[in-house]
Amino acid sequence: MVCSRPAGKIKLRRERPILRAIGVACWVEERTAAEVRRLPGERSESAPLRLLFDDGCLQLCRMSEQAYETYLSLVSGLPAETLDDGESAAIAIAVHGIGSVVLDDKKARRILSERFTESRCGSSLSFLLAAATRANWSAQDLRAAITAARNVARMAIVPEERPLYAELFTETTAG
């Protein structure tokens, strides 16, 4: 699975359990990793992700020439049909090898479904729910991870999952 926006901006104490619990290899392309800004006082551009790479939770990959051509087609053109570097790199890697990608951006999901029908797309919310289920998290831990992802990493909720998201947080006030 390729991540278009790695959780590098969420505190590392949450990322490790999430990526370990998901139970599949999580890849991040070099361009996507470069988008994650370094932490204050760190020298390396990939500093927020370093512990995840060292722990084996994330694996860095470089796209093939064919994937690079797809990447270029996704970053160039009319604004309605182009994506940012991270989403474009994630889609290119998924299309030319890995097969599935986590995307929350509406336009990125549309472009993937229209142009690359063989690739599967998941959302950050479904990714977190799968991790929570596999690791047997409490509802409170799941809500905390979702809140951190939304506040720190700008995770979006895809339209078809908004009722589920609302239900998860309605339980807080009801319980």
Protein backbone atom coordinates (compact mmCIF):
# COMPACT_ATOMS: atom_id res chain seq x y z
CA MET A 1 0.00 0.00 0.00
CA VAL A 2 1.32 3.43 -0.93
CA CYS A 3 0.63 6.44 1.26
CA SER A 4 0.07 9.77 -0.47
CA ARG A 5 0.51 11.72 2.74
CA PRO A 6 2.52 9.73 5.24
CA ALA A 7 1.63 10.22 8.85
CA GLY A 8 5.00 11.86 9.41
CA LYS A 9 3.37 14.93 10.87
CA ILE A 10 1.49 12.98 13.55
CA LYS A 11 3.34 12.24 16.76
CA LEU A 12 5.42 9.08 16.36
CA ARG A 13 3.91 7.35 19.39
CA ARG A 14 0.69 6.97 17.35
CA GLU A 15 2.24 6.18 13.95
CA ARG A 16 4.10 3.05 14.92
CA PRO A 17 1.05 1.20 16.30
CA ILE A 18 -1.02 2.30 13.29
CA LEU A 19 1.48 1.07 10.72
CA ARG A 20 2.29 -2.11 12.64
CA ALA A 21 -1.37 -2.98 13.11
CA ILE A 22 -2.32 -2.57 9.46
CA GLY A 23 -0.37 -5.73 8.68
CA VAL A 24 0.78 -4.88 5.15
CA ALA A 25 3.88 -3.18 3.79
CA CYS A 26 3.44 0.58 3.70
CA TRP A 27 5.53 2.35 1.09
CA VAL A 28 6.30 5.99 0.60
CA GLU A 29 7.90 7.34 -2.56
CA GLU A 30 10.95 9.58 -2.24
CA ARG A 31 9.04 12.64 -3.49
CA THR A 32 6.25 12.09 -0.98
CA ALA A 33 8.73 11.67 1.86
CA ALA A 34 10.41 14.92 0.80
CA GLU A 35 7.09 16.76 1.24
CA VAL A 36 7.13 16.07 4.96
CA ARG A 37 8.84 19.01 6.56
CA ARG A 38 11.64 18.43 8.96
CA LEU A 39 11.08 18.80 12.67
CA PRO A 40 12.60 21.82 14.40
CA GLY A 41 16.28 21.22 15.09
CA GLU A 42 16.55 18.27 12.69
CA ARG A 43 19.03 18.32 9.81
CA SER A 44 17.51 15.74 7.50
CA GLU A 45 14.52 16.46 5.28
CA SER A 46 13.08 13.05 6.20
CA ALA A 47 13.57 13.52 9.97
CA PRO A 48 9.88 13.08 10.95
CA LEU A 49 9.81 9.73 9.15
CA ARG A 50 13.26 8.48 10.16
CA LEU A 51 12.04 6.46 13.15
CA LEU A 52 9.33 4.83 11.04
CA PHE A 53 11.89 3.79 8.42
CA ASP A 54 14.30 2.59 11.12
CA ASP A 55 11.50 0.59 12.75
CA GLY A 56 10.50 -1.02 9.45
CA CYS A 57 7.01 0.51 9.58
CA LEU A 58 7.58 2.46 6.36
CA GLN A 59 9.65 1.55 3.35
CA LEU A 60 11.07 4.08 0.93
CA CYS A 61 10.80 3.39 -2.77
CA ARG A 62 11.83 5.06 -5.99
CA MET A 63 9.52 4.96 -8.97
CA SER A 64 10.40 3.13 -12.17
CA GLU A 65 10.77 4.94 -15.49
CA GLN A 66 7.25 3.89 -16.47
CA ALA A 67 5.88 5.12 -13.15
CA TYR A 68 7.80 8.37 -13.61
CA GLU A 69 6.03 8.91 -16.96
CA THR A 70 2.70 8.43 -15.21
CA TYR A 71 3.84 10.80 -12.45
CA LEU A 72 4.70 13.48 -15.03
CA SER A 73 1.28 13.07 -16.66
CA LEU A 74 -0.34 13.68 -13.27
CA VAL A 75 1.63 16.81 -12.35
CA SER A 76 1.44 18.52 -15.76
CA GLY A 77 -1.57 19.81 -17.61
CA LEU A 78 -4.72 21.69 -16.85
CA PRO A 79 -5.32 22.42 -13.14
CA ALA A 80 -8.52 20.34 -13.09
CA GLU A 81 -6.54 17.29 -14.20
CA THR A 82 -3.30 17.66 -12.23
CA LEU A 83 -2.29 16.70 -8.71
CA ASP A 84 0.44 17.65 -6.27
CA ASP A 85 3.77 15.80 -6.15
CA GLY A 86 2.88 13.49 -3.27
CA GLU A 87 -0.45 12.29 -4.63
CA SER A 88 0.99 11.94 -8.13
CA ALA A 89 3.95 9.90 -6.89
CA ALA A 90 1.72 7.66 -4.76
CA ILE A 91 -0.64 6.98 -7.66
CA ALA A 92 2.24 6.29 -10.07
CA ILE A 93 3.82 3.79 -7.67
CA ALA A 94 0.47 2.09 -7.03
CA VAL A 95 -0.40 1.86 -10.73
CA HIS A 96 2.99 0.43 -11.68
CA GLY A 97 3.53 -2.17 -9.05
CA ILE A 98 2.04 -1.93 -5.59
CA GLY A 99 -1.60 -1.78 -6.67
CA SER A 100 -3.33 0.13 -3.88
CA VAL A 101 -3.03 3.63 -2.52
CA VAL A 102 -4.43 5.67 0.38
CA LEU A 103 -5.98 8.91 -0.87
CA ASP A 104 -8.41 11.33 0.75
CA ASP A 105 -8.36 14.11 -1.83
CA LYS A 106 -11.55 14.12 -3.92
CA LYS A 107 -9.80 15.11 -7.16
CA ALA A 108 -7.04 12.52 -6.69
CA ARG A 109 -9.60 9.77 -6.06
CA ARG A 110 -11.56 10.84 -9.16
CA ILE A 111 -8.47 10.87 -11.38
CA LEU A 112 -7.38 7.47 -10.08
CA SER A 113 -10.80 5.91 -10.70
CA GLU A 114 -11.12 7.44 -14.18
CA ARG A 115 -7.61 6.84 -15.49
CA PHE A 116 -6.37 3.80 -13.58
CA THR A 117 -9.30 1.46 -13.07
CA GLU A 118 -7.14 -1.51 -12.01
CA SER A 119 -5.73 0.25 -8.94
CA ARG A 120 -7.50 0.14 -5.59
CA CYS A 121 -7.97 3.19 -3.43
CA GLY A 122 -8.47 3.33 0.30
CA SER A 123 -8.94 6.27 2.61
CA SER A 124 -7.07 7.36 5.71
CA LEU A 125 -10.18 6.69 7.79
CA SER A 126 -10.49 3.12 6.47
CA PHE A 127 -6.74 2.68 7.07
CA LEU A 128 -7.12 3.81 10.69
CA LEU A 129 -10.22 1.66 11.22
CA ALA A 130 -8.40 -1.42 9.92
CA ALA A 131 -5.45 -0.71 12.22
CA ALA A 132 -7.77 -0.19 15.19
CA THR A 133 -9.63 -3.43 14.52
CA ARG A 134 -6.47 -5.50 14.10
CA ALA A 135 -4.80 -4.03 17.19
CA ASN A 136 -7.99 -4.08 19.29
CA TRP A 137 -7.87 -0.37 20.13
CA SER A 138 -10.47 1.23 22.32
CA ALA A 139 -12.93 3.63 20.70
CA GLN A 140 -11.18 6.43 22.58
CA ASP A 141 -7.78 5.49 21.08
CA LEU A 142 -9.30 5.35 17.60
CA ARG A 143 -10.90 8.77 18.01
CA ALA A 144 -7.60 10.19 19.30
CA ALA A 145 -5.73 8.84 16.26
CA ILE A 146 -8.34 10.24 13.88
CA THR A 147 -8.31 13.62 15.62
CA ALA A 148 -4.51 13.78 15.46
CA ALA A 149 -4.55 12.85 11.77
CA ARG A 150 -7.13 15.53 11.01
CA ASN A 151 -5.49 18.26 13.08
CA VAL A 152 -1.83 17.62 12.38
CA ALA A 153 -1.65 15.80 9.04
CA ARG A 154 -4.72 17.44 7.45
CA MET A 155 -6.53 14.14 6.91
CA ALA A 156 -9.79 14.60 5.02
CA ILE A 157 -12.90 12.48 5.34
CA VAL A 158 -14.09 11.19 1.98
CA PRO A 159 -17.78 11.98 1.33
CA GLU A 160 -19.02 8.37 1.45
CA GLU A 161 -17.40 7.90 4.89
CA ARG A 162 -18.79 11.04 6.54
CA PRO A 163 -21.73 9.20 8.18
CA LEU A 164 -19.30 6.67 9.68
CA TYR A 165 -17.03 9.48 10.90
CA ALA A 166 -20.00 11.27 12.47
CA GLU A 167 -21.12 8.05 14.15
CA LEU A 168 -17.65 7.48 15.64
CA PHE A 169 -17.69 10.90 17.24
CA THR A 170 -21.38 10.85 18.20
CA GLU A 171 -20.59 7.87 20.44
CA THR A 172 -18.35 10.21 22.45
CA THR A 173 -21.24 12.44 23.46
CA ALA A 174 -23.69 9.56 23.90
CA GLY A 175 -21.33 7.32 25.89
